[in-house]
Amino acid sequence: MTVTIEVIRDEAFTLLSDMERLELIQISATTRNTAREKGKLSEQYGGALRLSDARYEAYQNAIREGRDEWNRDTC
């Protein structure tokens, strides 16, 4: 039987690897290779916005304001 799953957290992949070592499941080679290629999000998406300096600064200010509001409202 073949089942396809989407791993959301790295800890889940660790659990799956442990299950494979116990010979409870078998992880396909393509799944194993995809997990290695995934890498850091900063490497995957760094520079993806391609904004001008002014628009980048406005974007960063909006992010900062949102975080400040979140911290203010949750504290």
PDB file of N, CA and C in Angstrom:
ATOM      1  N   MET A   1       0.849  -1.170   0.000  1.00  0.00           N
ATOM      2  CA  MET A   1       0.000   0.000   0.000  1.00  0.00           C
ATOM      3  C   MET A   1       0.901   1.243   0.000  1.00  0.00           C
ATOM      4  N   THR A   2       0.547   2.246  -0.799  1.00  0.00           N
ATOM      5  CA  THR A   2       1.289   3.497  -0.871  1.00  0.00           C
ATOM      6  C   THR A   2       0.408   4.629  -0.372  1.00  0.00           C
ATOM      7  N   VAL A   3       0.982   5.461   0.501  1.00  0.00           N
ATOM      8  CA  VAL A   3       0.280   6.619   1.055  1.00  0.00           C
ATOM      9  C   VAL A   3       1.176   7.822   0.864  1.00  0.00           C
ATOM     10  N   THR A   4       0.621   8.926   0.380  1.00  0.00           N
ATOM     11  CA  THR A   4       1.375  10.163   0.225  1.00  0.00           C
ATOM     12  C   THR A   4       0.954  11.116   1.330  1.00  0.00           C
ATOM     13  N   ILE A   5       1.944  11.691   2.012  1.00  0.00           N
ATOM     14  CA  ILE A   5       1.654  12.650   3.079  1.00  0.00           C
ATOM     15  C   ILE A   5       2.455  13.915   2.851  1.00  0.00           C
ATOM     16  N   GLU A   6       2.005  15.002   3.431  1.00  0.00           N
ATOM     17  CA  GLU A   6       2.746  16.261   3.399  1.00  0.00           C
ATOM     18  C   GLU A   6       3.226  16.542   4.810  1.00  0.00           C
ATOM     19  N   VAL A   7       4.530  16.623   4.981  1.00  0.00           N
ATOM     20  CA  VAL A   7       5.118  16.876   6.290  1.00  0.00           C
ATOM     21  C   VAL A   7       5.140  18.382   6.516  1.00  0.00           C
ATOM     22  N   ILE A   8       4.536  18.815   7.614  1.00  0.00           N
ATOM     23  CA  ILE A   8       4.430  20.237   7.909  1.00  0.00           C
ATOM     24  C   ILE A   8       5.589  20.704   8.790  1.00  0.00           C
ATOM     25  N   ARG A   9       6.003  19.863   9.704  1.00  0.00           N
ATOM     26  CA  ARG A   9       7.096  20.239  10.616  1.00  0.00           C
ATOM     27  C   ARG A   9       8.227  19.232  10.486  1.00  0.00           C
ATOM     28  N   ASP A  10       9.459  19.719  10.638  1.00  0.00           N
ATOM     29  CA  ASP A  10      10.633  18.852  10.517  1.00  0.00           C
ATOM     30  C   ASP A  10      10.607  17.710  11.528  1.00  0.00           C
ATOM     31  N   GLU A  11      10.014  17.948  12.697  1.00  0.00           N
ATOM     32  CA  GLU A  11       9.939  16.907  13.716  1.00  0.00           C
ATOM     33  C   GLU A  11       9.180  15.686  13.201  1.00  0.00           C
ATOM     34  N   ALA A  12       8.178  15.919  12.368  1.00  0.00           N
ATOM     35  CA  ALA A  12       7.400  14.815  11.815  1.00  0.00           C
ATOM     36  C   ALA A  12       8.272  13.960  10.900  1.00  0.00           C
ATOM     37  N   PHE A  13       9.135  14.595  10.128  1.00  0.00           N
ATOM     38  CA  PHE A  13      10.015  13.827   9.254  1.00  0.00           C
ATOM     39  C   PHE A  13      10.988  13.007  10.081  1.00  0.00           C
ATOM     40  N   THR A  14      11.417  13.546  11.221  1.00  0.00           N
ATOM     41  CA  THR A  14      12.286  12.791  12.127  1.00  0.00           C
ATOM     42  C   THR A  14      11.560  11.548  12.633  1.00  0.00           C
ATOM     43  N   LEU A  15      10.293  11.713  13.000  1.00  0.00           N
ATOM     44  CA  LEU A  15       9.506  10.556  13.447  1.00  0.00           C
ATOM     45  C   LEU A  15       9.365   9.516  12.340  1.00  0.00           C
ATOM     46  N   LEU A  16       9.125   9.971  11.120  1.00  0.00           N
ATOM     47  CA  LEU A  16       9.014   9.047   9.997  1.00  0.00           C
ATOM     48  C   LEU A  16      10.332   8.310   9.768  1.00  0.00           C
ATOM     49  N   SER A  17      11.436   9.006   9.898  1.00  0.00           N
ATOM     50  CA  SER A  17      12.748   8.363   9.743  1.00  0.00           C
ATOM     51  C   SER A  17      12.956   7.299  10.817  1.00  0.00           C
ATOM     52  N   ASP A  18      12.512   7.606  12.051  1.00  0.00           N
ATOM     53  CA  ASP A  18      12.606   6.617  13.129  1.00  0.00           C
ATOM     54  C   ASP A  18      11.759   5.392  12.813  1.00  0.00           C
ATOM     55  N   MET A  19      10.577   5.607  12.273  1.00  0.00           N
ATOM     56  CA  MET A  19       9.706   4.494  11.910  1.00  0.00           C
ATOM     57  C   MET A  19      10.330   3.652  10.796  1.00  0.00           C
ATOM     58  N   GLU A  20      11.034   4.319   9.902  1.00  0.00           N
ATOM     59  CA  GLU A  20      11.703   3.578   8.828  1.00  0.00           C
ATOM     60  C   GLU A  20      12.825   2.719   9.404  1.00  0.00           C
ATOM     61  N   ARG A  21      13.573   3.268  10.359  1.00  0.00           N
ATOM     62  CA  ARG A  21      14.642   2.491  10.989  1.00  0.00           C
ATOM     63  C   ARG A  21      14.094   1.262  11.710  1.00  0.00           C
ATOM     64  N   LEU A  22      12.874   1.371  12.260  1.00  0.00           N
ATOM     65  CA  LEU A  22      12.238   0.238  12.926  1.00  0.00           C
ATOM     66  C   LEU A  22      11.582  -0.723  11.934  1.00  0.00           C
ATOM     67  N   GLU A  23      11.734  -0.419  10.628  1.00  0.00           N
ATOM     68  CA  GLU A  23      11.186  -1.218   9.540  1.00  0.00           C
ATOM     69  C   GLU A  23       9.665  -1.313   9.611  1.00  0.00           C
ATOM     70  N   LEU A  24       9.029  -0.192  10.031  1.00  0.00           N
ATOM     71  CA  LEU A  24       7.572  -0.111  10.036  1.00  0.00           C
ATOM     72  C   LEU A  24       7.058   0.497   8.740  1.00  0.00           C
ATOM     73  N   ILE A  25       7.853   1.373   8.130  1.00  0.00           N
ATOM     74  CA  ILE A  25       7.492   2.021   6.880  1.00  0.00           C
ATOM     75  C   ILE A  25       8.727   2.091   5.994  1.00  0.00           C
ATOM     76  N   GLN A  26       8.516   2.457   4.740  1.00  0.00           N
ATOM     77  CA  GLN A  26       9.624   2.684   3.811  1.00  0.00           C
ATOM     78  C   GLN A  26       9.408   4.042   3.160  1.00  0.00           C
ATOM     79  N   ILE A  27      10.410   4.905   3.248  1.00  0.00           N
ATOM     80  CA  ILE A  27      10.342   6.231   2.640  1.00  0.00           C
ATOM     81  C   ILE A  27      10.968   6.144   1.258  1.00  0.00           C
ATOM     82  N   SER A  28      10.243   6.625   0.251  1.00  0.00           N
ATOM     83  CA  SER A  28      10.748   6.532  -1.122  1.00  0.00           C
ATOM     84  C   SER A  28      11.968   7.424  -1.311  1.00  0.00           C
ATOM     85  N   ALA A  29      12.781   7.084  -2.281  1.00  0.00           N
ATOM     86  CA  ALA A  29      14.010   7.847  -2.550  1.00  0.00           C
ATOM     87  C   ALA A  29      13.679   9.272  -2.972  1.00  0.00           C
ATOM     88  N   THR A  30      12.618   9.463  -3.740  1.00  0.00           N
ATOM     89  CA  THR A  30      12.275  10.823  -4.172  1.00  0.00           C
ATOM     90  C   THR A  30      11.861  11.682  -2.981  1.00  0.00           C
ATOM     91  N   THR A  31      11.173  11.103  -2.017  1.00  0.00           N
ATOM     92  CA  THR A  31      10.792  11.842  -0.808  1.00  0.00           C
ATOM     93  C   THR A  31      12.027  12.246  -0.024  1.00  0.00           C
ATOM     94  N   ARG A  32      12.951  11.329   0.105  1.00  0.00           N
ATOM     95  CA  ARG A  32      14.177  11.601   0.857  1.00  0.00           C
ATOM     96  C   ARG A  32      14.968  12.718   0.183  1.00  0.00           C
ATOM     97  N   ASN A  33      15.080  12.686  -1.133  1.00  0.00           N
ATOM     98  CA  ASN A  33      15.814  13.718  -1.876  1.00  0.00           C
ATOM     99  C   ASN A  33      15.116  15.070  -1.779  1.00  0.00           C
ATOM    100  N   THR A  34      13.798  15.102  -1.849  1.00  0.00           N
ATOM    101  CA  THR A  34      13.049  16.345  -1.744  1.00  0.00           C
ATOM    102  C   THR A  34      13.245  16.973  -0.381  1.00  0.00           C
ATOM    103  N   ALA A  35      13.281  16.167   0.662  1.00  0.00           N
ATOM    104  CA  ALA A  35      13.476  16.692   2.012  1.00  0.00           C
ATOM    105  C   ALA A  35      14.851  17.330   2.146  1.00  0.00           C
ATOM    106  N   ARG A  36      15.859  16.752   1.531  1.00  0.00           N
ATOM    107  CA  ARG A  36      17.206  17.328   1.598  1.00  0.00           C
ATOM    108  C   ARG A  36      17.299  18.637   0.813  1.00  0.00           C
ATOM    109  N   GLU A  37      16.605  18.704  -0.327  1.00  0.00           N
ATOM    110  CA  GLU A  37      16.686  19.878  -1.192  1.00  0.00           C
ATOM    111  C   GLU A  37      15.925  21.077  -0.631  1.00  0.00           C
ATOM    112  N   LYS A  38      15.007  20.838   0.286  1.00  0.00           N
ATOM    113  CA  LYS A  38      14.136  21.897   0.772  1.00  0.00           C
ATOM    114  C   LYS A  38      14.930  23.086   1.313  1.00  0.00           C
ATOM    115  N   GLY A  39      15.880  22.863   2.199  1.00  0.00           N
ATOM    116  CA  GLY A  39      16.735  23.929   2.707  1.00  0.00           C
ATOM    117  C   GLY A  39      15.990  24.966   3.540  1.00  0.00           C
ATOM    118  N   LYS A  40      16.685  26.068   3.798  1.00  0.00           N
ATOM    119  CA  LYS A  40      16.128  27.143   4.609  1.00  0.00           C
ATOM    120  C   LYS A  40      15.166  27.998   3.792  1.00  0.00           C
ATOM    121  N   LEU A  41      14.142  28.510   4.458  1.00  0.00           N
ATOM    122  CA  LEU A  41      13.194  29.390   3.779  1.00  0.00           C
ATOM    123  C   LEU A  41      13.873  30.661   3.295  1.00  0.00           C
ATOM    124  N   SER A  42      14.832  31.174   4.076  1.00  0.00           N
ATOM    125  CA  SER A  42      15.525  32.392   3.664  1.00  0.00           C
ATOM    126  C   SER A  42      16.300  32.173   2.361  1.00  0.00           C
ATOM    127  N   GLU A  43      16.810  30.959   2.168  1.00  0.00           N
ATOM    128  CA  GLU A  43      17.508  30.649   0.920  1.00  0.00           C
ATOM    129  C   GLU A  43      16.521  30.497  -0.238  1.00  0.00           C
ATOM    130  N   GLN A  44      15.341  29.953   0.050  1.00  0.00           N
ATOM    131  CA  GLN A  44      14.354  29.738  -0.997  1.00  0.00           C
ATOM    132  C   GLN A  44      13.711  31.042  -1.459  1.00  0.00           C
ATOM    133  N   TYR A  45      13.418  31.938  -0.500  1.00  0.00           N
ATOM    134  CA  TYR A  45      12.618  33.104  -0.826  1.00  0.00           C
ATOM    135  C   TYR A  45      13.354  34.437  -0.707  1.00  0.00           C
ATOM    136  N   GLY A  46      14.608  34.424  -0.313  1.00  0.00           N
ATOM    137  CA  GLY A  46      15.374  35.658  -0.176  1.00  0.00           C
ATOM    138  C   GLY A  46      15.436  36.412  -1.489  1.00  0.00           C
ATOM    139  N   GLY A  47      15.034  37.688  -1.471  1.00  0.00           N
ATOM    140  CA  GLY A  47      15.068  38.521  -2.660  1.00  0.00           C
ATOM    141  C   GLY A  47      13.924  38.281  -3.622  1.00  0.00           C
ATOM    142  N   ALA A  48      12.924  37.501  -3.224  1.00  0.00           N
ATOM    143  CA  ALA A  48      11.830  37.154  -4.133  1.00  0.00           C
ATOM    144  C   ALA A  48      10.916  38.342  -4.433  1.00  0.00           C
ATOM    145  N   LEU A  49      10.854  39.342  -3.550  1.00  0.00           N
ATOM    146  CA  LEU A  49       9.941  40.459  -3.765  1.00  0.00           C
ATOM    147  C   LEU A  49      10.423  41.429  -4.846  1.00  0.00           C
ATOM    148  N   ARG A  50      11.722  41.610  -4.966  1.00  0.00           N
ATOM    149  CA  ARG A  50      12.305  42.501  -5.970  1.00  0.00           C
ATOM    150  C   ARG A  50      11.666  43.896  -5.927  1.00  0.00           C
ATOM    151  N   LEU A  51      11.725  44.522  -4.754  1.00  0.00           N
ATOM    152  CA  LEU A  51      11.142  45.842  -4.554  1.00  0.00           C
ATOM    153  C   LEU A  51      12.202  46.925  -4.689  1.00  0.00           C
ATOM    154  N   SER A  52      11.755  48.118  -5.060  1.00  0.00           N
ATOM    155  CA  SER A  52      12.663  49.267  -5.034  1.00  0.00           C
ATOM    156  C   SER A  52      12.984  49.569  -3.579  1.00  0.00           C
ATOM    157  N   ASP A  53      14.013  50.368  -3.335  1.00  0.00           N
ATOM    158  CA  ASP A  53      14.405  50.694  -1.967  1.00  0.00           C
ATOM    159  C   ASP A  53      13.261  51.346  -1.197  1.00  0.00           C
ATOM    160  N   ALA A  54      12.541  52.260  -1.836  1.00  0.00           N
ATOM    161  CA  ALA A  54      11.446  52.961  -1.168  1.00  0.00           C
ATOM    162  C   ALA A  54      10.302  51.997  -0.839  1.00  0.00           C
ATOM    163  N   ARG A  55       9.958  51.132  -1.769  1.00  0.00           N
ATOM    164  CA  ARG A  55       8.865  50.181  -1.521  1.00  0.00           C
ATOM    165  C   ARG A  55       9.271  49.139  -0.491  1.00  0.00           C
ATOM    166  N   TYR A  56      10.542  48.743  -0.502  1.00  0.00           N
ATOM    167  CA  TYR A  56      11.041  47.791   0.491  1.00  0.00           C
ATOM    168  C   TYR A  56      10.949  48.403   1.886  1.00  0.00           C
ATOM    169  N   GLU A  57      11.345  49.662   2.007  1.00  0.00           N
ATOM    170  CA  GLU A  57      11.289  50.351   3.306  1.00  0.00           C
ATOM    171  C   GLU A  57       9.835  50.465   3.781  1.00  0.00           C
ATOM    172  N   ALA A  58       8.913  50.798   2.889  1.00  0.00           N
ATOM    173  CA  ALA A  58       7.494  50.873   3.245  1.00  0.00           C
ATOM    174  C   ALA A  58       6.978  49.499   3.687  1.00  0.00           C
ATOM    175  N   TYR A  59       7.400  48.464   3.001  1.00  0.00           N
ATOM    176  CA  TYR A  59       7.007  47.098   3.350  1.00  0.00           C
ATOM    177  C   TYR A  59       7.518  46.735   4.746  1.00  0.00           C
ATOM    178  N   GLN A  60       8.782  47.036   4.998  1.00  0.00           N
ATOM    179  CA  GLN A  60       9.366  46.737   6.306  1.00  0.00           C
ATOM    180  C   GLN A  60       8.654  47.517   7.417  1.00  0.00           C
ATOM    181  N   ASN A  61       8.303  48.779   7.152  1.00  0.00           N
ATOM    182  CA  ASN A  61       7.581  49.581   8.147  1.00  0.00           C
ATOM    183  C   ASN A  61       6.210  48.981   8.435  1.00  0.00           C
ATOM    184  N   ALA A  62       5.517  48.511   7.416  1.00  0.00           N
ATOM    185  CA  ALA A  62       4.211  47.889   7.611  1.00  0.00           C
ATOM    186  C   ALA A  62       4.335  46.616   8.444  1.00  0.00           C
ATOM    187  N   ILE A  63       5.356  45.823   8.174  1.00  0.00           N
ATOM    188  CA  ILE A  63       5.604  44.611   8.955  1.00  0.00           C
ATOM    189  C   ILE A  63       5.886  44.978  10.410  1.00  0.00           C
ATOM    190  N   ARG A  64       6.748  45.963  10.610  1.00  0.00           N
ATOM    191  CA  ARG A  64       7.107  46.401  11.958  1.00  0.00           C
ATOM    192  C   ARG A  64       5.881  46.898  12.721  1.00  0.00           C
ATOM    193  N   GLU A  65       5.037  47.695  12.059  1.00  0.00           N
ATOM    194  CA  GLU A  65       3.825  48.205  12.701  1.00  0.00           C
ATOM    195  C   GLU A  65       2.883  47.061  13.080  1.00  0.00           C
ATOM    196  N   GLY A  66       2.748  46.088  12.210  1.00  0.00           N
ATOM    197  CA  GLY A  66       1.906  44.931  12.508  1.00  0.00           C
ATOM    198  C   GLY A  66       2.411  44.159  13.714  1.00  0.00           C
ATOM    199  N   ARG A  67       3.717  43.976  13.788  1.00  0.00           N
ATOM    200  CA  ARG A  67       4.292  43.279  14.951  1.00  0.00           C
ATOM    201  C   ARG A  67       4.078  44.080  16.222  1.00  0.00           C
ATOM    202  N   ASP A  68       4.272  45.398  16.133  1.00  0.00           N
ATOM    203  CA  ASP A  68       4.062  46.253  17.305  1.00  0.00           C
ATOM    204  C   ASP A  68       2.617  46.181  17.779  1.00  0.00           C
ATOM    205  N   GLU A  69       1.669  46.218  16.851  1.00  0.00           N
ATOM    206  CA  GLU A  69       0.261  46.103  17.216  1.00  0.00           C
ATOM    207  C   GLU A  69      -0.023  44.755  17.852  1.00  0.00           C
ATOM    208  N   TRP A  70       0.527  43.719  17.287  1.00  0.00           N
ATOM    209  CA  TRP A  70       0.320  42.374  17.836  1.00  0.00           C
ATOM    210  C   TRP A  70       0.846  42.309  19.262  1.00  0.00           C
ATOM    211  N   ASN A  71       2.072  42.780  19.466  1.00  0.00           N
ATOM    212  CA  ASN A  71       2.671  42.736  20.805  1.00  0.00           C
ATOM    213  C   ASN A  71       1.892  43.600  21.790  1.00  0.00           C
ATOM    214  N   ARG A  72       1.429  44.750  21.344  1.00  0.00           N
ATOM    215  CA  ARG A  72       0.674  45.649  22.211  1.00  0.00           C
ATOM    216  C   ARG A  72      -0.649  45.008  22.620  1.00  0.00           C
ATOM    217  N   ASP A  73      -1.323  44.379  21.688  1.00  0.00           N
ATOM    218  CA  ASP A  73      -2.643  43.821  21.941  1.00  0.00           C
ATOM    219  C   ASP A  73      -2.606  42.504  22.703  1.00  0.00           C
ATOM    220  N   THR A  74      -1.494  41.786  22.653  1.00  0.00           N
ATOM    221  CA  THR A  74      -1.422  40.477  23.309  1.00  0.00           C
ATOM    222  C   THR A  74      -0.727  40.533  24.661  1.00  0.00           C
ATOM    223  N   CYS A  75      -0.106  41.634  24.981  1.00  0.00           N
ATOM    224  CA  CYS A  75       0.623  41.732  26.263  1.00  0.00           C
ATOM    225  C   CYS A  75      -0.247  42.267  27.377  1.00  0.00           C
TER     226      CYS A  75
END
